[in-house]
Amino acid sequence: MTFDATNSVTLKIWDKAALHHTIDSAVSDMSALHNTTTCGIAVTCSGPNTFTLSLRHDAKVLASV
């Protein structure tokens, strides 16, 4: 896992069997870190076996209690 910036992360996933689980887990972790819903995280295929997760510009921040 390589961190590009505070609002994005790039994952190189070699194991195709773990692809969906790895991306789902990373989206959940990133949404919790940025206090937003999982819909606020964009996933882009940025190369062979490489995916970039980034915080969407229009992502809503969840209210803190």
C-alpha atoms as a PDB file:
ATOM      1  CA  MET A   1       0.000   0.000   0.000  1.00  0.00           C
ATOM      2  CA  THR A   2       1.376   3.405  -0.969  1.00  0.00           C
ATOM      3  CA  PHE A   3       0.014   6.630   0.424  1.00  0.00           C
ATOM      4  CA  ASP A   4       0.060   9.419  -2.166  1.00  0.00           C
ATOM      5  CA  ALA A   5      -1.596  12.129  -0.085  1.00  0.00           C
ATOM      6  CA  THR A   6      -3.877  12.554   2.884  1.00  0.00           C
ATOM      7  CA  ASN A   7      -6.959  12.155   0.663  1.00  0.00           C
ATOM      8  CA  SER A   8      -5.928   9.173  -1.477  1.00  0.00           C
ATOM      9  CA  VAL A   9      -4.284   5.774  -1.337  1.00  0.00           C
ATOM     10  CA  THR A  10      -2.966   3.519  -4.102  1.00  0.00           C
ATOM     11  CA  LEU A  11      -3.217  -0.251  -3.752  1.00  0.00           C
ATOM     12  CA  LYS A  12      -1.357  -2.847  -5.822  1.00  0.00           C
ATOM     13  CA  ILE A  13      -3.376  -6.062  -5.496  1.00  0.00           C
ATOM     14  CA  TRP A  14      -1.789  -9.200  -6.914  1.00  0.00           C
ATOM     15  CA  ASP A  15      -4.191 -11.785  -5.494  1.00  0.00           C
ATOM     16  CA  LYS A  16      -7.306 -11.702  -7.692  1.00  0.00           C
ATOM     17  CA  ALA A  17      -9.205 -13.833  -5.153  1.00  0.00           C
ATOM     18  CA  ALA A  18      -8.741 -11.092  -2.537  1.00  0.00           C
ATOM     19  CA  LEU A  19      -9.517  -8.179  -4.860  1.00  0.00           C
ATOM     20  CA  HIS A  20     -13.066  -7.356  -3.715  1.00  0.00           C
ATOM     21  CA  HIS A  21     -12.366  -7.975  -0.043  1.00  0.00           C
ATOM     22  CA  THR A  22      -9.233  -5.801  -0.117  1.00  0.00           C
ATOM     23  CA  ILE A  23     -10.945  -2.898  -1.874  1.00  0.00           C
ATOM     24  CA  ASP A  24     -14.048  -3.111   0.364  1.00  0.00           C
ATOM     25  CA  SER A  25     -11.877  -3.111   3.464  1.00  0.00           C
ATOM     26  CA  ALA A  26      -9.802  -0.161   2.246  1.00  0.00           C
ATOM     27  CA  VAL A  27     -12.937   1.845   1.369  1.00  0.00           C
ATOM     28  CA  SER A  28     -14.388   1.177   4.837  1.00  0.00           C
ATOM     29  CA  ASP A  29     -11.139   2.195   6.548  1.00  0.00           C
ATOM     30  CA  MET A  30     -10.775   5.341   4.460  1.00  0.00           C
ATOM     31  CA  SER A  31     -14.390   6.404   5.018  1.00  0.00           C
ATOM     32  CA  ALA A  32     -13.953   5.975   8.780  1.00  0.00           C
ATOM     33  CA  LEU A  33     -10.703   7.965   8.692  1.00  0.00           C
ATOM     34  CA  HIS A  34     -12.363  10.849   6.853  1.00  0.00           C
ATOM     35  CA  ASN A  35     -15.673  10.596   8.751  1.00  0.00           C
ATOM     36  CA  THR A  36     -17.760  10.101   5.611  1.00  0.00           C
ATOM     37  CA  THR A  37     -19.901   7.373   4.072  1.00  0.00           C
ATOM     38  CA  THR A  38     -18.394   4.720   1.825  1.00  0.00           C
ATOM     39  CA  CYS A  39     -20.147   6.481  -1.080  1.00  0.00           C
ATOM     40  CA  GLY A  40     -17.760   9.383  -0.480  1.00  0.00           C
ATOM     41  CA  ILE A  41     -14.797   7.281  -1.614  1.00  0.00           C
ATOM     42  CA  ALA A  42     -14.014   6.967  -5.335  1.00  0.00           C
ATOM     43  CA  VAL A  43     -12.226   3.853  -6.635  1.00  0.00           C
ATOM     44  CA  THR A  44     -10.293   4.142  -9.896  1.00  0.00           C
ATOM     45  CA  CYS A  45      -8.359   1.475 -11.774  1.00  0.00           C
ATOM     46  CA  SER A  46      -5.075   3.329 -12.265  1.00  0.00           C
ATOM     47  CA  GLY A  47      -3.015   0.548 -13.847  1.00  0.00           C
ATOM     48  CA  PRO A  48      -2.581  -3.201 -14.039  1.00  0.00           C
ATOM     49  CA  ASN A  49      -3.582  -4.617 -10.641  1.00  0.00           C
ATOM     50  CA  THR A  50      -3.445  -1.041  -9.296  1.00  0.00           C
ATOM     51  CA  PHE A  51      -6.366   0.848  -7.766  1.00  0.00           C
ATOM     52  CA  THR A  52      -6.508   4.360  -6.381  1.00  0.00           C
ATOM     53  CA  LEU A  53      -9.000   5.224  -3.661  1.00  0.00           C
ATOM     54  CA  SER A  54      -9.643   8.912  -3.128  1.00  0.00           C
ATOM     55  CA  LEU A  55     -11.968  11.146  -1.187  1.00  0.00           C
ATOM     56  CA  ARG A  56     -14.599  12.567  -3.531  1.00  0.00           C
ATOM     57  CA  HIS A  57     -14.788  16.359  -3.628  1.00  0.00           C
ATOM     58  CA  ASP A  58     -18.522  16.275  -2.965  1.00  0.00           C
ATOM     59  CA  ALA A  59     -18.254  13.791  -0.066  1.00  0.00           C
ATOM     60  CA  LYS A  60     -20.469  14.628   2.881  1.00  0.00           C
ATOM     61  CA  VAL A  61     -18.896  14.629   6.326  1.00  0.00           C
ATOM     62  CA  LEU A  62     -20.924  12.752   8.921  1.00  0.00           C
ATOM     63  CA  ALA A  63     -22.074  14.711  11.935  1.00  0.00           C
ATOM     64  CA  SER A  64     -20.112  14.123  15.110  1.00  0.00           C
ATOM     65  CA  VAL A  65     -22.079  13.447  18.247  1.00  0.00           C
END
